[in-house]
Each structure stands twice: as structure tokens, then as C-alpha cells.
C-alpha atoms as a PDB file:
ATOM      1  CA  UNK A   1     -56.935   7.393 -17.035  1.00  0.00           C
ATOM      2  CA  UNK A   2     -60.143   6.874 -15.750  1.00  0.00           C
ATOM      3  CA  UNK A   3     -62.918   4.910 -16.976  1.00  0.00           C
ATOM      4  CA  UNK A   4     -66.403   4.346 -16.207  1.00  0.00           C
ATOM      5  CA  UNK A   5     -66.828   1.571 -13.725  1.00  0.00           C
ATOM      6  CA  UNK A   6     -69.469  -0.652 -12.279  1.00  0.00           C
ATOM      7  CA  UNK A   7     -69.791  -1.936  -8.769  1.00  0.00           C
ATOM      8  CA  UNK A   8     -71.774  -5.045  -9.088  1.00  0.00           C
ATOM      9  CA  UNK A   9     -73.035  -5.957  -5.248  1.00  0.00           C
ATOM     10  CA  UNK A  10     -74.379  -9.820  -5.248  1.00  0.00           C
ATOM     11  CA  UNK A  11     -78.037  -9.585  -2.963  1.00  0.00           C
ATOM     12  CA  UNK A  12     -79.819 -12.531  -3.478  1.00  0.00           C
ATOM     13  CA  UNK A  13     -79.162 -14.434  -0.739  1.00  0.00           C
ATOM     14  CA  UNK A  14     -81.244 -14.767   2.270  1.00  0.00           C
ATOM     15  CA  UNK A  15     -79.427 -14.803   5.031  1.00  0.00           C
ATOM     16  CA  UNK A  16     -79.887 -18.371   6.592  1.00  0.00           C
ATOM     17  CA  UNK A  17     -77.249 -18.244   9.912  1.00  0.00           C
ATOM     18  CA  UNK A  18     -77.636 -14.425  10.805  1.00  0.00           C
ATOM     19  CA  UNK A  19     -81.968 -15.086  10.162  1.00  0.00           C
ATOM     20  CA  UNK A  20     -83.625 -12.648   7.393  1.00  0.00           C
ATOM     21  CA  UNK A  21     -82.556 -10.287   5.022  1.00  0.00           C
ATOM     22  CA  UNK A  22     -78.779  -8.753   5.808  1.00  0.00           C
ATOM     23  CA  UNK A  23     -78.590  -6.184   3.779  1.00  0.00           C
ATOM     24  CA  UNK A  24     -81.159  -3.911   5.521  1.00  0.00           C
ATOM     25  CA  UNK A  25     -80.130  -4.402   8.863  1.00  0.00           C
ATOM     26  CA  UNK A  26     -78.632  -1.210  10.407  1.00  0.00           C
ATOM     27  CA  UNK A  27     -75.470  -1.077  11.466  1.00  0.00           C
ATOM     28  CA  UNK A  28     -74.443   2.388  11.842  1.00  0.00           C
ATOM     29  CA  UNK A  29     -75.538   5.759  14.159  1.00  0.00           C
ATOM     30  CA  UNK A  30     -78.039   6.733  12.037  1.00  0.00           C
ATOM     31  CA  UNK A  31     -79.372   3.412  10.622  1.00  0.00           C
ATOM     32  CA  UNK A  32     -77.095   2.992   7.601  1.00  0.00           C
ATOM     33  CA  UNK A  33     -76.597  -0.458   6.560  1.00  0.00           C
ATOM     34  CA  UNK A  34     -73.281  -2.033   5.432  1.00  0.00           C
ATOM     35  CA  UNK A  35     -74.317  -1.188   1.495  1.00  0.00           C
ATOM     36  CA  UNK A  36     -74.233   2.217   2.518  1.00  0.00           C
ATOM     37  CA  UNK A  37     -71.001   2.444   3.507  1.00  0.00           C
ATOM     38  CA  UNK A  38     -69.993   0.052   0.043  1.00  0.00           C
ATOM     39  CA  UNK A  39     -71.455   2.315  -1.812  1.00  0.00           C
ATOM     40  CA  UNK A  40     -69.727   5.795  -0.550  1.00  0.00           C
ATOM     41  CA  UNK A  41     -65.840   3.942  -0.149  1.00  0.00           C
ATOM     42  CA  UNK A  42     -66.243   2.425  -4.148  1.00  0.00           C
ATOM     43  CA  UNK A  43     -67.267   6.384  -5.189  1.00  0.00           C
ATOM     44  CA  UNK A  44     -64.350   8.392  -3.285  1.00  0.00           C
ATOM     45  CA  UNK A  45     -62.741   5.658  -5.108  1.00  0.00           C
ATOM     46  CA  UNK A  46     -64.046   7.120  -8.770  1.00  0.00           C
ATOM     47  CA  UNK A  47     -67.225   3.556  -9.473  1.00  0.00           C
ATOM     48  CA  UNK A  48     -70.003   5.580 -11.299  1.00  0.00           C
ATOM     49  CA  UNK A  49     -72.394   2.969 -11.415  1.00  0.00           C
ATOM     50  CA  UNK A  50     -73.761  -0.451  -9.076  1.00  0.00           C
ATOM     51  CA  UNK A  51     -75.787  -3.148 -10.455  1.00  0.00           C
ATOM     52  CA  UNK A  52     -77.716  -4.777  -7.314  1.00  0.00           C
ATOM     53  CA  UNK A  53     -78.393  -8.791  -8.334  1.00  0.00           C
ATOM     54  CA  UNK A  54     -80.688  -9.433  -6.553  1.00  0.00           C
ATOM     55  CA  UNK A  55     -83.822 -11.853  -6.416  1.00  0.00           C
ATOM     56  CA  UNK A  56     -87.172 -10.528  -7.949  1.00  0.00           C
ATOM     57  CA  UNK A  57     -89.125 -10.647  -4.593  1.00  0.00           C
ATOM     58  CA  UNK A  58     -86.726  -9.288  -2.602  1.00  0.00           C
ATOM     59  CA  UNK A  59     -87.268  -5.795  -5.657  1.00  0.00           C
ATOM     60  CA  UNK A  60     -90.084  -3.763  -3.656  1.00  0.00           C
ATOM     61  CA  UNK A  61     -88.251  -3.451  -0.041  1.00  0.00           C
ATOM     62  CA  UNK A  62     -84.744  -3.637  -1.661  1.00  0.00           C
ATOM     63  CA  UNK A  63     -85.662  -0.551  -3.479  1.00  0.00           C
ATOM     64  CA  UNK A  64     -87.407   1.467  -1.167  1.00  0.00           C
ATOM     65  CA  UNK A  65     -85.092   0.907   1.280  1.00  0.00           C
ATOM     66  CA  UNK A  66     -81.417   0.612  -0.094  1.00  0.00           C
ATOM     67  CA  UNK A  67     -82.188   2.250  -3.345  1.00  0.00           C
ATOM     68  CA  UNK A  68     -83.796   5.177  -2.656  1.00  0.00           C
ATOM     69  CA  UNK A  69     -80.252   6.028  -0.204  1.00  0.00           C
ATOM     70  CA  UNK A  70     -78.191   6.183  -3.103  1.00  0.00           C
ATOM     71  CA  UNK A  71     -79.885   6.890  -6.329  1.00  0.00           C
ATOM     72  CA  UNK A  72     -79.066  10.480  -6.181  1.00  0.00           C
ATOM     73  CA  UNK A  73     -75.366   9.933  -5.567  1.00  0.00           C
ATOM     74  CA  UNK A  74     -74.469   6.921  -8.039  1.00  0.00           C
ATOM     75  CA  UNK A  75     -76.430   5.340 -11.614  1.00  0.00           C
ATOM     76  CA  UNK A  76     -78.137   2.392  -9.925  1.00  0.00           C
ATOM     77  CA  UNK A  77     -79.487  -0.497 -12.002  1.00  0.00           C
ATOM     78  CA  UNK A  78     -81.219  -3.648 -10.512  1.00  0.00           C
ATOM     79  CA  UNK A  79     -81.346  -7.242 -12.011  1.00  0.00           C
ATOM     80  CA  UNK A  80     -83.210 -10.225 -10.885  1.00  0.00           C
ATOM     81  CA  UNK A  81     -81.252 -13.559 -10.492  1.00  0.00           C
ATOM     82  CA  UNK A  82     -83.375 -16.487 -11.778  1.00  0.00           C
ATOM     83  CA  UNK A  83     -82.739 -19.928 -11.438  1.00  0.00           C
ATOM     84  CA  UNK A  84     -84.788 -19.634 -14.802  1.00  0.00           C
ATOM     85  CA  UNK A  85     -82.224 -17.563 -16.503  1.00  0.00           C
ATOM     86  CA  UNK A  86     -80.137 -20.461 -18.222  1.00  0.00           C
ATOM     87  CA  UNK A  87     -80.219 -21.704 -21.589  1.00  0.00           C
ATOM     88  CA  UNK A  88     -82.266 -23.607 -24.086  1.00  0.00           C
ATOM     89  CA  UNK A  89     -81.918 -27.221 -23.246  1.00  0.00           C
ATOM     90  CA  UNK A  90     -80.614 -27.234 -19.442  1.00  0.00           C
ATOM     91  CA  UNK A  91     -83.699 -27.875 -17.058  1.00  0.00           C
ATOM     92  CA  UNK A  92     -83.740 -26.661 -13.577  1.00  0.00           C
ATOM     93  CA  UNK A  93     -85.175 -28.681 -11.657  1.00  0.00           C
ATOM     94  CA  UNK A  94     -88.356 -26.256 -10.063  1.00  0.00           C
ATOM     95  CA  UNK A  95     -88.583 -27.510  -6.688  1.00  0.00           C
ATOM     96  CA  UNK A  96     -84.987 -25.654  -6.636  1.00  0.00           C
ATOM     97  CA  UNK A  97     -84.827 -22.309  -4.274  1.00  0.00           C
ATOM     98  CA  UNK A  98     -81.161 -22.277  -4.224  1.00  0.00           C
ATOM     99  CA  UNK A  99     -79.818 -19.570  -6.269  1.00  0.00           C
ATOM    100  CA  UNK A 100     -77.434 -21.826  -9.205  1.00  0.00           C
ATOM    101  CA  UNK A 101     -74.485 -19.571  -7.740  1.00  0.00           C
ATOM    102  CA  UNK A 102     -72.562 -16.620  -7.523  1.00  0.00           C
ATOM    103  CA  UNK A 103     -71.027 -16.834 -11.731  1.00  0.00           C
ATOM    104  CA  UNK A 104     -74.873 -17.525 -12.542  1.00  0.00           C
ATOM    105  CA  UNK A 105     -75.765 -14.227 -10.678  1.00  0.00           C
ATOM    106  CA  UNK A 106     -72.808 -12.097 -12.877  1.00  0.00           C
ATOM    107  CA  UNK A 107     -74.113 -14.148 -15.667  1.00  0.00           C
ATOM    108  CA  UNK A 108     -77.601 -12.276 -15.054  1.00  0.00           C
ATOM    109  CA  UNK A 109     -75.718  -8.832 -15.553  1.00  0.00           C
ATOM    110  CA  UNK A 110     -74.135  -9.172 -19.636  1.00  0.00           C
ATOM    111  CA  UNK A 111     -77.148  -6.813 -20.785  1.00  0.00           C
ATOM    112  CA  UNK A 112     -76.447  -3.904 -17.875  1.00  0.00           C
ATOM    113  CA  UNK A 113     -72.939  -4.184 -17.476  1.00  0.00           C
ATOM    114  CA  UNK A 114     -70.643  -2.437 -20.358  1.00  0.00           C
ATOM    115  CA  UNK A 115     -67.634  -1.406 -18.156  1.00  0.00           C
ATOM    116  CA  UNK A 116     -64.748  -3.065 -15.869  1.00  0.00           C
ATOM    117  CA  UNK A 117     -66.140  -3.788 -12.841  1.00  0.00           C
ATOM    118  CA  UNK A 118     -65.490  -5.025  -9.494  1.00  0.00           C
ATOM    119  CA  UNK A 119     -68.493  -7.562  -7.915  1.00  0.00           C
ATOM    120  CA  UNK A 120     -68.737  -7.870  -4.088  1.00  0.00           C
ATOM    121  CA  UNK A 121     -71.288  -9.900  -1.251  1.00  0.00           C
ATOM    122  CA  UNK A 122     -73.988  -6.796  -0.587  1.00  0.00           C
ATOM    123  CA  UNK A 123     -73.456  -7.908   3.101  1.00  0.00           C
ATOM    124  CA  UNK A 124     -69.723  -8.134   3.689  1.00  0.00           C
ATOM    125  CA  UNK A 125     -67.690  -4.728   4.989  1.00  0.00           C
ATOM    126  CA  UNK A 126     -64.870  -4.659   2.878  1.00  0.00           C
ATOM    127  CA  UNK A 127     -62.973  -1.026   3.818  1.00  0.00           C
ATOM    128  CA  UNK A 128     -61.721   1.773   1.953  1.00  0.00           C
ATOM    129  CA  UNK A 129     -58.702   0.388   1.387  1.00  0.00           C
ATOM    130  CA  UNK A 130     -60.142  -2.365  -0.843  1.00  0.00           C
ATOM    131  CA  UNK A 131     -62.424  -0.324  -3.332  1.00  0.00           C
ATOM    132  CA  UNK A 132     -59.486   2.056  -4.265  1.00  0.00           C
ATOM    133  CA  UNK A 133     -57.287  -0.900  -4.818  1.00  0.00           C
ATOM    134  CA  UNK A 134     -59.983  -2.397  -7.111  1.00  0.00           C
ATOM    135  CA  UNK A 135     -60.224   1.238  -8.635  1.00  0.00           C
ATOM    136  CA  UNK A 136     -56.541   1.031  -9.456  1.00  0.00           C
ATOM    137  CA  UNK A 137     -56.249  -2.477 -10.921  1.00  0.00           C
ATOM    138  CA  UNK A 138     -59.493  -1.189 -13.541  1.00  0.00           C
ATOM    139  CA  UNK A 139     -58.346   1.806 -14.323  1.00  0.00           C
ATOM    140  CA  UNK A 140     -54.852  -0.377 -15.765  1.00  0.00           C
ATOM    141  CA  UNK A 141     -55.614  -3.279 -16.551  1.00  0.00           C
ATOM    142  CA  UNK A 142     -55.795  -5.016 -20.356  1.00  0.00           C
ATOM    143  CA  UNK A 143     -59.362  -6.701 -21.208  1.00  0.00           C
ATOM    144  CA  UNK A 144     -58.048  -9.856 -20.287  1.00  0.00           C
ATOM    145  CA  UNK A 145     -56.915  -9.776 -17.218  1.00  0.00           C
ATOM    146  CA  UNK A 146     -58.734 -10.248 -13.943  1.00  0.00           C
ATOM    147  CA  UNK A 147     -58.142  -9.771 -10.170  1.00  0.00           C
ATOM    148  CA  UNK A 148     -58.736 -10.372  -6.854  1.00  0.00           C
ATOM    149  CA  UNK A 149     -58.570  -7.859  -3.709  1.00  0.00           C
ATOM    150  CA  UNK A 150     -57.299 -10.045  -0.640  1.00  0.00           C
ATOM    151  CA  UNK A 151     -57.395  -9.686   2.904  1.00  0.00           C
ATOM    152  CA  UNK A 152     -55.264 -11.223   5.268  1.00  0.00           C
ATOM    153  CA  UNK A 153     -57.367 -14.139   6.822  1.00  0.00           C
ATOM    154  CA  UNK A 154     -56.476 -12.741  10.473  1.00  0.00           C
ATOM    155  CA  UNK A 155     -58.630  -9.492   9.234  1.00  0.00           C
ATOM    156  CA  UNK A 156     -61.260 -11.681   8.107  1.00  0.00           C
ATOM    157  CA  UNK A 157     -62.874 -13.959  11.343  1.00  0.00           C
ATOM    158  CA  UNK A 158     -65.362 -13.666  13.605  1.00  0.00           C
ATOM    159  CA  UNK A 159     -65.013 -15.362  17.244  1.00  0.00           C
ATOM    160  CA  UNK A 160     -68.269 -16.735  16.911  1.00  0.00           C
ATOM    161  CA  UNK A 161     -67.916 -20.143  15.005  1.00  0.00           C
ATOM    162  CA  UNK A 162     -66.223 -21.278  11.743  1.00  0.00           C
ATOM    163  CA  UNK A 163     -66.610 -18.795   8.000  1.00  0.00           C
ATOM    164  CA  UNK A 164     -66.353 -19.902   4.138  1.00  0.00           C
ATOM    165  CA  UNK A 165     -62.819 -17.557   3.295  1.00  0.00           C
ATOM    166  CA  UNK A 166     -60.948 -18.454  -0.362  1.00  0.00           C
ATOM    167  CA  UNK A 167     -57.413 -19.614   0.440  1.00  0.00           C
ATOM    168  CA  UNK A 168     -55.254 -18.218  -1.901  1.00  0.00           C
ATOM    169  CA  UNK A 169     -52.108 -19.921  -3.306  1.00  0.00           C
ATOM    170  CA  UNK A 170     -49.373 -17.285  -5.255  1.00  0.00           C
ATOM    171  CA  UNK A 171     -46.770 -16.758  -6.839  1.00  0.00           C
ATOM    172  CA  UNK A 172     -46.035 -13.194  -6.721  1.00  0.00           C
ATOM    173  CA  UNK A 173     -48.389 -11.080  -7.961  1.00  0.00           C
ATOM    174  CA  UNK A 174     -50.525 -13.867  -9.796  1.00  0.00           C
ATOM    175  CA  UNK A 175     -52.626 -16.356  -7.993  1.00  0.00           C
ATOM    176  CA  UNK A 176     -51.870 -20.341  -8.221  1.00  0.00           C
ATOM    177  CA  UNK A 177     -54.951 -21.579  -6.708  1.00  0.00           C
ATOM    178  CA  UNK A 178     -57.924 -20.699  -4.204  1.00  0.00           C
ATOM    179  CA  UNK A 179     -58.992 -23.557  -1.806  1.00  0.00           C
ATOM    180  CA  UNK A 180     -62.811 -22.603  -0.604  1.00  0.00           C
ATOM    181  CA  UNK A 181     -62.521 -24.190   2.998  1.00  0.00           C
ATOM    182  CA  UNK A 182     -64.182 -23.566   6.169  1.00  0.00           C
ATOM    183  CA  UNK A 183     -61.836 -21.216   8.261  1.00  0.00           C
ATOM    184  CA  UNK A 184     -61.306 -21.220  11.938  1.00  0.00           C
ATOM    185  CA  UNK A 185     -59.037 -19.990  15.016  1.00  0.00           C
ATOM    186  CA  UNK A 186     -58.977 -22.547  17.316  1.00  0.00           C
ATOM    187  CA  UNK A 187     -56.311 -21.268  20.615  1.00  0.00           C
ATOM    188  CA  UNK A 188     -54.351 -18.981  18.420  1.00  0.00           C
ATOM    189  CA  UNK A 189     -54.182 -21.205  15.327  1.00  0.00           C
ATOM    190  CA  UNK A 190     -55.565 -20.858  12.284  1.00  0.00           C
ATOM    191  CA  UNK A 191     -57.107 -23.853  10.911  1.00  0.00           C
ATOM    192  CA  UNK A 192     -58.343 -24.679   7.354  1.00  0.00           C
ATOM    193  CA  UNK A 193     -60.996 -27.466   6.451  1.00  0.00           C
ATOM    194  CA  UNK A 194     -61.153 -27.467   2.348  1.00  0.00           C
ATOM    195  CA  UNK A 195     -65.077 -27.997   1.590  1.00  0.00           C
ATOM    196  CA  UNK A 196     -63.562 -30.931  -0.894  1.00  0.00           C
ATOM    197  CA  UNK A 197     -63.516 -32.542   2.006  1.00  0.00           C
ATOM    198  CA  UNK A 198     -59.054 -32.692   1.609  1.00  0.00           C
ATOM    199  CA  UNK A 199     -57.202 -33.246   4.400  1.00  0.00           C
ATOM    200  CA  UNK A 200     -57.271 -29.466   6.436  1.00  0.00           C
ATOM    201  CA  UNK A 201     -54.487 -27.103   7.339  1.00  0.00           C
ATOM    202  CA  UNK A 202     -52.862 -24.720   9.238  1.00  0.00           C
ATOM    203  CA  UNK A 203     -51.921 -21.743   7.498  1.00  0.00           C
ATOM    204  CA  UNK A 204     -50.766 -18.452   9.104  1.00  0.00           C
ATOM    205  CA  UNK A 205     -52.835 -14.767   9.969  1.00  0.00           C
ATOM    206  CA  UNK A 206     -51.519 -12.844   7.472  1.00  0.00           C
ATOM    207  CA  UNK A 207     -52.171 -15.786   4.526  1.00  0.00           C
ATOM    208  CA  UNK A 208     -54.252 -13.768   1.417  1.00  0.00           C
ATOM    209  CA  UNK A 209     -57.691 -15.172   1.586  1.00  0.00           C
ATOM    210  CA  UNK A 210     -60.875 -14.075  -1.002  1.00  0.00           C
ATOM    211  CA  UNK A 211     -63.648 -12.120   0.209  1.00  0.00           C
ATOM    212  CA  UNK A 212     -65.303 -12.148  -3.191  1.00  0.00           C
ATOM    213  CA  UNK A 213     -64.117  -9.092  -4.342  1.00  0.00           C
ATOM    214  CA  UNK A 214     -62.862  -9.906  -7.812  1.00  0.00           C
ATOM    215  CA  UNK A 215     -61.965  -7.413 -10.942  1.00  0.00           C
ATOM    216  CA  UNK A 216     -63.427  -8.391 -14.336  1.00  0.00           C
ATOM    217  CA  UNK A 217     -63.762  -6.633 -17.862  1.00  0.00           C
ATOM    218  CA  UNK A 218     -66.663  -7.023 -20.451  1.00  0.00           C
ATOM    219  CA  UNK A 219     -64.798 -10.329 -21.763  1.00  0.00           C
ATOM    220  CA  UNK A 220     -66.090 -12.440 -18.641  1.00  0.00           C
ATOM    221  CA  UNK A 221     -69.281 -12.632 -20.272  1.00  0.00           C
ATOM    222  CA  UNK A 222     -67.441 -14.320 -23.106  1.00  0.00           C
ATOM    223  CA  UNK A 223     -66.550 -16.955 -21.567  1.00  0.00           C
ATOM    224  CA  UNK A 224     -69.890 -17.019 -19.497  1.00  0.00           C
ATOM    225  CA  UNK A 225     -71.944 -16.851 -22.093  1.00  0.00           C
ATOM    226  CA  UNK A 226     -69.813 -19.524 -23.590  1.00  0.00           C
ATOM    227  CA  UNK A 227     -69.525 -22.212 -20.843  1.00  0.00           C
ATOM    228  CA  UNK A 228     -73.157 -22.028 -18.881  1.00  0.00           C
ATOM    229  CA  UNK A 229     -74.437 -24.618 -20.480  1.00  0.00           C
ATOM    230  CA  UNK A 230     -71.511 -27.525 -20.337  1.00  0.00           C
ATOM    231  CA  UNK A 231     -71.252 -26.862 -16.380  1.00  0.00           C
ATOM    232  CA  UNK A 232     -75.160 -28.041 -15.503  1.00  0.00           C
ATOM    233  CA  UNK A 233     -75.125 -29.608 -18.339  1.00  0.00           C
ATOM    234  CA  UNK A 234     -72.464 -32.077 -17.319  1.00  0.00           C
ATOM    235  CA  UNK A 235     -73.778 -31.603 -13.266  1.00  0.00           C
ATOM    236  CA  UNK A 236     -75.343 -34.130 -11.944  1.00  0.00           C
ATOM    237  CA  UNK A 237     -76.753 -32.675  -9.256  1.00  0.00           C
ATOM    238  CA  UNK A 238     -79.056 -29.558 -10.635  1.00  0.00           C
ATOM    239  CA  UNK A 239     -80.723 -29.348  -6.877  1.00  0.00           C
ATOM    240  CA  UNK A 240     -77.553 -28.408  -5.721  1.00  0.00           C
ATOM    241  CA  UNK A 241     -75.080 -27.439  -7.512  1.00  0.00           C
ATOM    242  CA  UNK A 242     -73.630 -24.157  -7.643  1.00  0.00           C
ATOM    243  CA  UNK A 243     -71.924 -22.142 -10.745  1.00  0.00           C
ATOM    244  CA  UNK A 244     -69.048 -20.187  -8.840  1.00  0.00           C
ATOM    245  CA  UNK A 245     -67.025 -17.469  -9.421  1.00  0.00           C
ATOM    246  CA  UNK A 246     -63.664 -17.898  -8.178  1.00  0.00           C
ATOM    247  CA  UNK A 247     -63.577 -21.521 -10.477  1.00  0.00           C
ATOM    248  CA  UNK A 248     -64.689 -19.245 -13.524  1.00  0.00           C
ATOM    249  CA  UNK A 249     -62.379 -16.180 -12.965  1.00  0.00           C
ATOM    250  CA  UNK A 250     -59.369 -19.001 -12.817  1.00  0.00           C
ATOM    251  CA  UNK A 251     -60.928 -21.335 -16.206  1.00  0.00           C
ATOM    252  CA  UNK A 252     -61.641 -18.372 -17.772  1.00  0.00           C
ATOM    253  CA  UNK A 253     -58.133 -16.217 -17.306  1.00  0.00           C
ATOM    254  CA  UNK A 254     -56.271 -19.541 -18.086  1.00  0.00           C
ATOM    255  CA  UNK A 255     -58.500 -19.543 -21.685  1.00  0.00           C
ATOM    256  CA  UNK A 256     -56.430 -16.606 -22.005  1.00  0.00           C
ATOM    257  CA  UNK A 257     -53.296 -17.752 -20.799  1.00  0.00           C
ATOM    258  CA  UNK A 258     -53.080 -15.378 -17.844  1.00  0.00           C
ATOM    259  CA  UNK A 259     -53.547 -15.882 -14.431  1.00  0.00           C
ATOM    260  CA  UNK A 260     -55.592 -14.244 -11.992  1.00  0.00           C
ATOM    261  CA  UNK A 261     -53.877 -11.130 -10.362  1.00  0.00           C
ATOM    262  CA  UNK A 262     -53.704 -10.452  -6.828  1.00  0.00           C
ATOM    263  CA  UNK A 263     -54.628  -7.285  -5.248  1.00  0.00           C
ATOM    264  CA  UNK A 264     -53.556  -6.856  -1.446  1.00  0.00           C
ATOM    265  CA  UNK A 265     -55.383  -4.965   0.901  1.00  0.00           C
ATOM    266  CA  UNK A 266     -54.714  -3.159   4.289  1.00  0.00           C
ATOM    267  CA  UNK A 267     -59.104  -2.784   5.038  1.00  0.00           C
ATOM    268  CA  UNK A 268     -60.154  -5.644   8.208  1.00  0.00           C
ATOM    269  CA  UNK A 269     -63.168  -7.350   6.956  1.00  0.00           C
ATOM    270  CA  UNK A 270     -65.843  -7.531   8.581  1.00  0.00           C
ATOM    271  CA  UNK A 271     -69.192  -9.704   7.763  1.00  0.00           C
ATOM    272  CA  UNK A 272     -71.977 -10.383   9.400  1.00  0.00           C
ATOM    273  CA  UNK A 273     -71.920 -14.562   8.879  1.00  0.00           C
ATOM    274  CA  UNK A 274     -74.001 -15.005  12.438  1.00  0.00           C
ATOM    275  CA  UNK A 275     -76.084 -12.508  14.149  1.00  0.00           C
ATOM    276  CA  UNK A 276     -74.059 -12.282  17.494  1.00  0.00           C
ATOM    277  CA  UNK A 277     -71.360 -10.382  14.606  1.00  0.00           C
ATOM    278  CA  UNK A 278     -73.325  -7.326  14.085  1.00  0.00           C
ATOM    279  CA  UNK A 279     -72.296  -5.862  17.506  1.00  0.00           C
ATOM    280  CA  UNK A 280     -67.950  -6.282  15.866  1.00  0.00           C
ATOM    281  CA  UNK A 281     -69.216  -5.150  12.795  1.00  0.00           C
ATOM    282  CA  UNK A 282     -70.643  -1.759  14.629  1.00  0.00           C
ATOM    283  CA  UNK A 283     -67.680  -0.912  16.937  1.00  0.00           C
ATOM    284  CA  UNK A 284     -65.324  -1.828  13.173  1.00  0.00           C
ATOM    285  CA  UNK A 285     -67.890   0.903  11.951  1.00  0.00           C
ATOM    286  CA  UNK A 286     -67.347   3.506  14.664  1.00  0.00           C
ATOM    287  CA  UNK A 287     -63.747   3.026  14.794  1.00  0.00           C
ATOM    288  CA  UNK A 288     -63.558   4.231  11.054  1.00  0.00           C
ATOM    289  CA  UNK A 289     -65.499   7.502  11.814  1.00  0.00           C
ATOM    290  CA  UNK A 290     -63.379   8.269  14.875  1.00  0.00           C
ATOM    291  CA  UNK A 291     -60.712   7.680  12.231  1.00  0.00           C
ATOM    292  CA  UNK A 292     -62.566  10.702  10.304  1.00  0.00           C
ATOM    293  CA  UNK A 293     -62.642   7.852   7.671  1.00  0.00           C
ATOM    294  CA  UNK A 294     -66.938   8.782   7.438  1.00  0.00           C
ATOM    295  CA  UNK A 295     -69.300  11.297   8.442  1.00  0.00           C
ATOM    296  CA  UNK A 296     -71.340  10.370  11.735  1.00  0.00           C
ATOM    297  CA  UNK A 297     -73.851  10.697   9.461  1.00  0.00           C
ATOM    298  CA  UNK A 298     -72.304   8.853   6.174  1.00  0.00           C
ATOM    299  CA  UNK A 299     -75.279  11.017   3.717  1.00  0.00           C
ATOM    300  CA  UNK A 300     -75.694  13.798   5.577  1.00  0.00           C
END
């Protein structure tokens, strides 16, 4: 049975390496943004609501550029990720500018998301199949089941430098662990360098990796509300620490005596980590248009 499904879009980050607000960089032949293609794919897959998590100071430009293009096609809500949005007793340094992490971003949406949802990054192109797989899971999962829609690492790399990927190790369709790493192909060999500082290792081109496309039910908000205070109170470096979705998903699933489900996609992922990635992304979108996946004028 099809359910109401929400797409939660993490859009509070500014693209420092890319050099600007990546979310409003034209990438399609008629000035479409990446998020236009994400919303189109989500609509085709059966999502009927989108929640943008943004910085409050970006609200007007975001609404006037992205919002006005889609507000007549899908229900839209906006949520502000603020460093002040923490429980009483947690004191975040006033001079911290960097957001508090992806899990705190999801926490910010606790009052507007009441249905099963998928979360994505605003500046990543995920591909049609990924949304279809996410919707299939969300329409059939139990209320305490979560999933990650994973890609083959070879379908996510850039020629322009290292990128961060969550290297997934699984047993069948259940994820055992995700190792956040910097990944790069060097002389035909993919090298993963764990962000924890552990020794680097090599992985095959078909190794599943997380691109932050997680599928949740509203039960995740109970875990977030119950654990946000302890995370920040127990962290010694409140200037740099981040509460991250992969950790929250793993620990929440374990609390339910379950593991995150592994859902794989054949889609090719395009990101804009570097300014030089822009042309590759445009070429990928044009290829999808030639295949008939998208109209040349997406909303025309």
C-alpha cells in the first residue's frame, strides 16, 4: 500500500570547496538546479511532500529560486537549522558558525515530518532508480526499520580529487558498519582513508557506499529527542563536533535490536565537491535527457 512519503533535503551547508551556494547553480539545459531533478525523481517515485532544511539567512534566496519552481508541484515546508536548537543545558559557543551536523539537521524537522521519509543532500544528483528504491522500502517497511540506499563506489567518484564516502560493510541485506572515509582512485585502485585516522585500505569498484540517502520512519525522532542532549554534553569539543546521521541510524537501529537495511541502486551519483565537477554533472544530465528519463525542459 502506498503511503504519504516525505523527502527531507539537507541544504544548510555552504559549498566551501565548490565556492558558493551549490544548491542554486544551474546544471540543466534550461537553468534547472540539481534539486529540480531530485524533486522530479521523487515525484515519479511517489513522494508527495518535501522539507528543505536550510540556514535562516538563506530563506529568501532559496524560496525565490528553488521554492517558487516546485511549490505548485509538491507540498513544500522550510525548516531552519540553528546552532541554538539544542536542549536546555547545552551551550554551543556563540562563535561557532559551522552547523552541528546532519543528525541535528534532521532533529530540526521533528515538528513538520510525521510520515516515512528519505533524506538527501541538496547538492547531490542521486538518479531516478535511487528514489524508486527508497520509495519501495518506505512503502513496505516496519515502523522500526531503517535503510540506506547505497551506490557502487565506482559510480560516485570524481576525477578532481578525494571525496568523502561512507564505506559499507554488510552481511546480506543488513549493514554491519559504515566507515566514513576519504576515497580516491589512484592508478586504477580505489583507496579509502578512514576519517578516524585508522590505516587506509583498498576497495573494489563495486563496494557499496553511503551517499547520505537514508530512509527513516518517524520513530527516529524519538531517538533524536532522547539522545541529543547527551551527545553534546558528553562532547569535549563543541567548536567542531558534529552529530551525524550514519551514527544515529546505526545506534537507533541497535536500540531496536535491528540493523540498517542495505538497499542498492544502479544509479550513477554526481556531486559538486569541486568546481571542476560541474561539467561532468551537466554531461551526465544530458545523457539522461537523451535516454528519455527527463524532458529537455524539465518542468515544461
